[in-house]
Amino acid sequence: MNPCSVISFDEFRRDPRYAGILGEMHAMMNQSDHPMGHHCRMGHGRLRRAEIEGGKHLEYPWAAIHGDFQPGQNVLDAGCGRGIFQYYLARLGCRVSGCDLDGFRSKRVLRWQRALHRLHLAPVPDLTSRLRANARVFHVDVDYHIEPMQELTWPDATFDRVASISVLEHIQPAFEQQRAVKQLVRVLKPGGLMVLTLDYVERPIPGKSDIFTRTDVERLVAWSGLAPVATMSFDVGDWDRYLAGLAEFYGVPHCAYSAFTLVLKKQ
């Protein structure tokens, strides 16, 4: 399958690696198989340890297969949240880092800790402690930064792989999205791969500016200055029929949008 295209649920059906990887992720979370489009969680509330959002049941295995992740590589999961993907990569032997805006700490506890710090009675609160505790559940270490993708603090050319799974569309407006893309490129090593999935529609949805169209995807690639590893393909035939098939695959009543997948290489 073309790794730079509208995501293919037929590839999942044809390639047994997809189901195998998803099964491994579910096993890590002590989850049984369930309809693909349903959000699955390990734990509840702020104590949630890991999760796979509906569409990421397809996107995470896609990224694992097409990202060519190898043991020993330095990998950034940008916008990692509590997604199982970061822990899966660490289990593969990658040296994983993650960035997110939220450390999933208790806001009430943080207010007390910050007040005590201002009184010189406590150290600066560690915003990453909850995420690091989640990683320890899977017997892995992840280097977390609580910071926006537009302002990454890792040095230039730190990572062999940079992955961001259905995150960039949530960074608005467009100039902030461009800043995020430039930062992801900056921290990627020459010869490294950027592995992206983007919420995607063939035709804009009125009132929804946070879903990519073909124009948006092409603009993002231009911002990056990186080369797609294959010619980008936006053709799925009849779009409405494709969405109906995707909804059936996920086991949900309908799908309003899909995902576009990209693997970009830094020269």
Protein backbone atom coordinates (compact mmCIF):
# COMPACT_ATOMS: atom_id res chain seq x y z
CA MET A 1 0.00 0.00 0.00
CA ASN A 2 1.09 3.58 -0.63
CA PRO A 3 2.17 4.97 2.77
CA CYS A 4 1.32 8.52 1.61
CA SER A 5 -2.40 8.22 0.99
CA VAL A 6 -5.86 8.08 2.50
CA ILE A 7 -5.65 5.28 5.04
CA SER A 8 -6.72 1.85 3.77
CA PHE A 9 -8.83 -0.46 5.93
CA ASP A 10 -8.46 -3.07 3.18
CA GLU A 11 -4.72 -3.18 3.95
CA PHE A 12 -5.58 -4.10 7.55
CA ARG A 13 -7.70 -6.99 6.28
CA ARG A 14 -5.04 -8.23 3.84
CA ASP A 15 -1.93 -7.84 5.98
CA PRO A 16 -1.91 -10.00 9.13
CA ARG A 17 0.70 -7.78 10.75
CA TYR A 18 -1.98 -5.19 11.49
CA ALA A 19 -4.13 -7.50 13.59
CA GLY A 20 -1.00 -8.91 15.22
CA ILE A 21 0.27 -5.49 16.32
CA LEU A 22 -3.16 -4.39 17.51
CA GLY A 23 -3.48 -7.64 19.45
CA GLU A 24 -0.14 -6.94 21.14
CA MET A 25 -1.30 -3.44 22.08
CA HIS A 26 -4.57 -4.76 23.48
CA ALA A 27 -2.69 -7.44 25.43
CA MET A 28 -0.42 -4.76 26.95
CA MET A 29 -3.57 -3.01 28.17
CA ASN A 30 -5.28 -6.23 29.33
CA GLN A 31 -8.03 -5.52 26.82
CA SER A 32 -10.02 -8.03 24.83
CA ASP A 33 -10.79 -7.41 21.17
CA HIS A 34 -13.78 -5.15 20.55
CA PRO A 35 -15.27 -3.07 17.70
CA MET A 36 -12.45 -1.09 16.09
CA GLY A 37 -14.15 2.28 16.34
CA HIS A 38 -14.67 2.14 20.10
CA HIS A 39 -12.30 3.98 22.42
CA CYS A 40 -10.55 1.55 24.79
CA ARG A 41 -8.93 2.56 28.05
CA MET A 42 -6.73 1.00 30.71
CA GLY A 43 -7.83 2.60 33.98
CA HIS A 44 -10.18 5.51 34.56
CA GLY A 45 -10.07 9.28 34.93
CA ARG A 46 -6.73 10.84 35.73
CA LEU A 47 -5.49 7.37 36.74
CA ARG A 48 -5.95 6.14 33.17
CA ARG A 49 -2.74 4.33 32.22
CA ALA A 50 -3.14 3.97 28.46
CA GLU A 51 -5.69 4.25 25.71
CA ILE A 52 -6.43 3.71 22.04
CA GLU A 53 -8.90 6.16 20.57
CA GLY A 54 -11.32 4.78 18.00
CA GLY A 55 -9.53 5.55 14.71
CA LYS A 56 -6.10 4.90 16.20
CA HIS A 57 -6.91 1.18 16.24
CA LEU A 58 -5.99 1.45 12.56
CA GLU A 59 -3.52 4.35 12.71
CA TYR A 60 -1.20 2.94 15.39
CA PRO A 61 -0.57 -0.37 13.55
CA TRP A 62 -0.15 1.58 10.29
CA ALA A 63 2.53 3.77 11.91
CA ALA A 64 4.27 0.78 13.50
CA ILE A 65 4.52 -0.98 10.12
CA HIS A 66 5.39 1.94 7.84
CA GLY A 67 7.63 3.86 10.27
CA ASP A 68 10.42 1.24 10.09
CA PHE A 69 11.08 1.54 13.83
CA GLN A 70 14.17 -0.34 15.00
CA PRO A 71 15.62 -1.12 18.44
CA GLY A 72 18.03 1.56 19.62
CA GLN A 73 16.50 4.37 17.59
CA ASN A 74 15.69 7.68 19.26
CA VAL A 75 11.99 8.25 18.68
CA LEU A 76 9.71 11.20 19.48
CA ASP A 77 5.98 10.64 19.90
CA ALA A 78 4.71 14.21 19.51
CA GLY A 79 1.37 14.74 21.21
CA CYS A 80 1.69 11.37 22.91
CA GLY A 81 -0.96 11.78 25.62
CA ARG A 82 -1.55 8.36 27.16
CA GLY A 83 -1.62 6.55 23.83
CA ILE A 84 -0.34 2.98 23.87
CA PHE A 85 1.85 3.67 20.82
CA GLN A 86 4.70 5.19 22.85
CA TYR A 87 4.82 2.19 25.21
CA TYR A 88 4.66 -0.25 22.30
CA LEU A 89 7.67 1.44 20.67
CA ALA A 90 9.58 1.38 23.95
CA ARG A 91 8.83 -2.35 24.26
CA LEU A 92 10.36 -2.76 20.78
CA GLY A 93 13.61 -1.36 22.17
CA CYS A 94 13.34 2.23 20.90
CA ARG A 95 14.51 5.08 23.14
CA VAL A 96 11.24 6.96 23.30
CA SER A 97 10.54 10.57 24.17
CA GLY A 98 7.10 12.13 24.33
CA CYS A 99 5.74 15.65 24.41
CA ASP A 100 2.29 16.83 25.36
CA LEU A 101 0.57 19.88 26.82
CA ASP A 102 -0.94 17.95 29.73
CA GLY A 103 0.88 15.85 32.31
CA PHE A 104 -2.48 14.60 33.63
CA ARG A 105 -1.61 15.78 37.12
CA SER A 106 -4.30 16.75 39.63
CA LYS A 107 -4.92 20.48 39.21
CA ARG A 108 -5.73 20.84 42.91
CA VAL A 109 -2.49 19.16 44.00
CA LEU A 110 -0.51 21.25 41.52
CA ARG A 111 -1.95 24.47 42.95
CA TRP A 112 -0.79 23.47 46.44
CA GLN A 113 2.64 22.40 45.21
CA ARG A 114 3.12 25.65 43.32
CA ALA A 115 2.03 27.68 46.34
CA LEU A 116 4.50 25.79 48.55
CA HIS A 117 7.24 26.33 45.96
CA ARG A 118 6.61 30.08 45.97
CA LEU A 119 7.08 29.96 49.75
CA HIS A 120 10.35 28.03 49.25
CA LEU A 121 8.83 25.04 51.09
CA ALA A 122 8.82 22.60 48.15
CA PRO A 123 10.66 22.03 44.85
CA VAL A 124 9.22 22.93 41.46
CA PRO A 125 6.32 20.51 40.77
CA ASP A 126 7.22 17.67 38.41
CA LEU A 127 4.59 17.81 35.67
CA THR A 128 5.78 14.54 34.15
CA SER A 129 5.42 12.31 37.20
CA ARG A 130 1.99 10.90 36.25
CA LEU A 131 3.12 10.06 32.72
CA ARG A 132 6.32 8.44 33.99
CA ALA A 133 4.26 6.37 36.43
CA ASN A 134 2.11 5.22 33.50
CA ALA A 135 5.23 4.18 31.58
CA ARG A 136 6.48 2.15 34.55
CA VAL A 137 3.28 0.08 34.39
CA PHE A 138 4.64 -1.24 31.08
CA HIS A 139 8.20 -1.60 32.49
CA VAL A 140 9.59 1.06 30.15
CA ASP A 141 11.06 4.55 30.51
CA VAL A 142 9.89 7.49 28.40
CA ASP A 143 11.51 10.94 28.47
CA TYR A 144 8.59 13.37 28.76
CA HIS A 145 8.50 17.09 28.06
CA ILE A 146 5.37 19.05 28.93
CA GLU A 147 5.58 21.64 26.18
CA PRO A 148 3.83 22.65 22.96
CA MET A 149 4.99 21.15 19.69
CA GLN A 150 5.65 24.70 18.49
CA GLU A 151 8.36 25.15 21.17
CA LEU A 152 10.25 21.87 21.48
CA THR A 153 13.34 22.09 23.68
CA TRP A 154 15.24 19.06 22.37
CA PRO A 155 18.39 19.93 20.41
CA ASP A 156 18.52 19.87 16.63
CA ALA A 157 18.76 16.44 14.97
CA THR A 158 17.95 14.45 18.11
CA PHE A 159 15.60 11.79 16.71
CA ASP A 160 15.81 9.03 14.11
CA ARG A 161 12.02 8.95 13.91
CA VAL A 162 9.39 11.57 14.72
CA ALA A 163 5.79 10.36 14.90
CA SER A 164 2.63 12.37 15.45
CA ILE A 165 -0.62 10.43 15.22
CA SER A 166 -3.71 12.58 14.54
CA VAL A 167 -2.44 15.58 16.50
CA LEU A 168 -1.43 18.33 14.06
CA GLU A 169 -5.01 19.12 13.03
CA HIS A 170 -5.69 20.20 16.61
CA ILE A 171 -3.03 22.93 16.45
CA GLN A 172 -4.74 26.08 15.21
CA PRO A 173 -4.46 28.61 13.60
CA ALA A 174 -2.42 27.68 10.55
CA PHE A 175 0.67 29.69 11.48
CA GLU A 176 0.92 27.78 14.77
CA GLN A 177 0.57 24.52 12.87
CA GLN A 178 3.42 25.62 10.62
CA ARG A 179 5.58 26.38 13.66
CA ALA A 180 4.90 22.88 14.99
CA VAL A 181 5.85 21.25 11.69
CA LYS A 182 9.09 23.25 11.55
CA GLN A 183 9.98 22.11 15.07
CA LEU A 184 9.34 18.47 14.24
CA VAL A 185 11.64 18.81 11.23
CA ARG A 186 14.30 20.57 13.31
CA VAL A 187 14.61 17.75 15.87
CA LEU A 188 14.67 15.02 13.18
CA LYS A 189 18.06 13.71 12.10
CA PRO A 190 19.14 13.80 8.43
CA GLY A 191 18.02 10.52 6.91
CA GLY A 192 15.28 10.19 9.52
CA LEU A 193 11.57 9.66 8.93
CA MET A 194 8.58 11.72 10.02
CA VAL A 195 5.51 9.50 10.45
CA LEU A 196 2.19 11.35 10.46
CA THR A 197 -1.52 10.68 10.38
CA LEU A 198 -3.92 13.57 9.84
CA ASP A 199 -7.70 13.69 10.15
CA TYR A 200 -8.82 14.00 6.53
CA VAL A 201 -11.87 14.76 4.37
CA GLU A 202 -12.21 14.91 0.61
CA ARG A 203 -14.60 17.86 0.87
CA PRO A 204 -14.51 20.47 3.65
CA ILE A 205 -17.14 20.07 6.38
CA PRO A 206 -18.90 23.38 7.14
CA GLY A 207 -17.85 24.70 10.53
CA LYS A 208 -14.96 22.20 10.87
CA SER A 209 -11.61 23.85 10.21
CA ASP A 210 -9.55 21.27 12.11
CA ILE A 211 -9.73 18.49 9.51
CA PHE A 212 -7.22 18.36 6.65
CA THR A 213 -8.19 18.53 2.99
CA ARG A 214 -5.88 17.80 0.06
CA THR A 215 -4.83 21.45 -0.01
CA ASP A 216 -3.94 21.34 3.69
CA VAL A 217 -1.90 18.14 3.31
CA GLU A 218 0.06 19.56 0.38
CA ARG A 219 0.67 22.78 2.30
CA LEU A 220 1.99 20.84 5.31
CA VAL A 221 4.42 18.89 3.15
CA ALA A 222 5.63 22.16 1.59
CA TRP A 223 6.15 23.65 5.05
CA SER A 224 8.22 20.65 6.09
CA GLY A 225 10.58 20.77 3.13
CA LEU A 226 10.76 16.97 3.40
CA ALA A 227 10.23 14.44 0.65
CA PRO A 228 7.32 11.96 0.81
CA VAL A 229 8.67 8.42 0.49
CA ALA A 230 6.04 7.76 -2.21
CA THR A 231 3.91 9.85 -4.54
CA MET A 232 0.94 11.11 -2.55
CA SER A 233 -2.40 9.58 -3.55
CA PHE A 234 -5.74 11.15 -2.62
CA ASP A 235 -7.99 8.91 -4.74
CA VAL A 236 -10.27 6.40 -3.01
CA GLY A 237 -12.88 6.24 -5.76
CA ASP A 238 -16.32 7.18 -4.50
CA TRP A 239 -15.73 9.07 -1.24
CA ASP A 240 -19.14 8.36 0.28
CA ARG A 241 -18.80 4.66 -0.45
CA TYR A 242 -15.33 4.69 1.08
CA LEU A 243 -16.66 6.30 4.27
CA ALA A 244 -19.49 3.74 4.43
CA GLY A 245 -16.91 0.94 4.18
CA LEU A 246 -14.77 2.58 6.85
CA ALA A 247 -17.77 2.83 9.20
CA GLU A 248 -18.51 -0.85 8.66
CA PHE A 249 -14.87 -1.70 9.35
CA TYR A 250 -14.88 0.29 12.60
CA GLY A 251 -18.26 -1.06 13.66
CA VAL A 252 -19.86 2.38 14.03
CA PRO A 253 -23.01 3.86 12.45
CA HIS A 254 -21.16 6.33 10.23
CA CYS A 255 -17.84 8.12 9.65
CA ALA A 256 -17.66 11.80 8.70
CA TYR A 257 -13.92 11.76 7.97
CA SER A 258 -10.93 9.46 7.67
CA ALA A 259 -7.16 9.86 8.00
CA PHE A 260 -4.37 10.72 5.59
CA THR A 261 -1.06 8.97 6.22
CA LEU A 262 2.37 10.42 5.48
CA VAL A 263 5.93 9.19 5.75
CA LEU A 264 8.38 11.99 5.00
CA LYS A 265 12.16 11.66 4.79
CA LYS A 266 14.72 14.28 5.77
CA GLN A 267 17.62 14.43 3.36
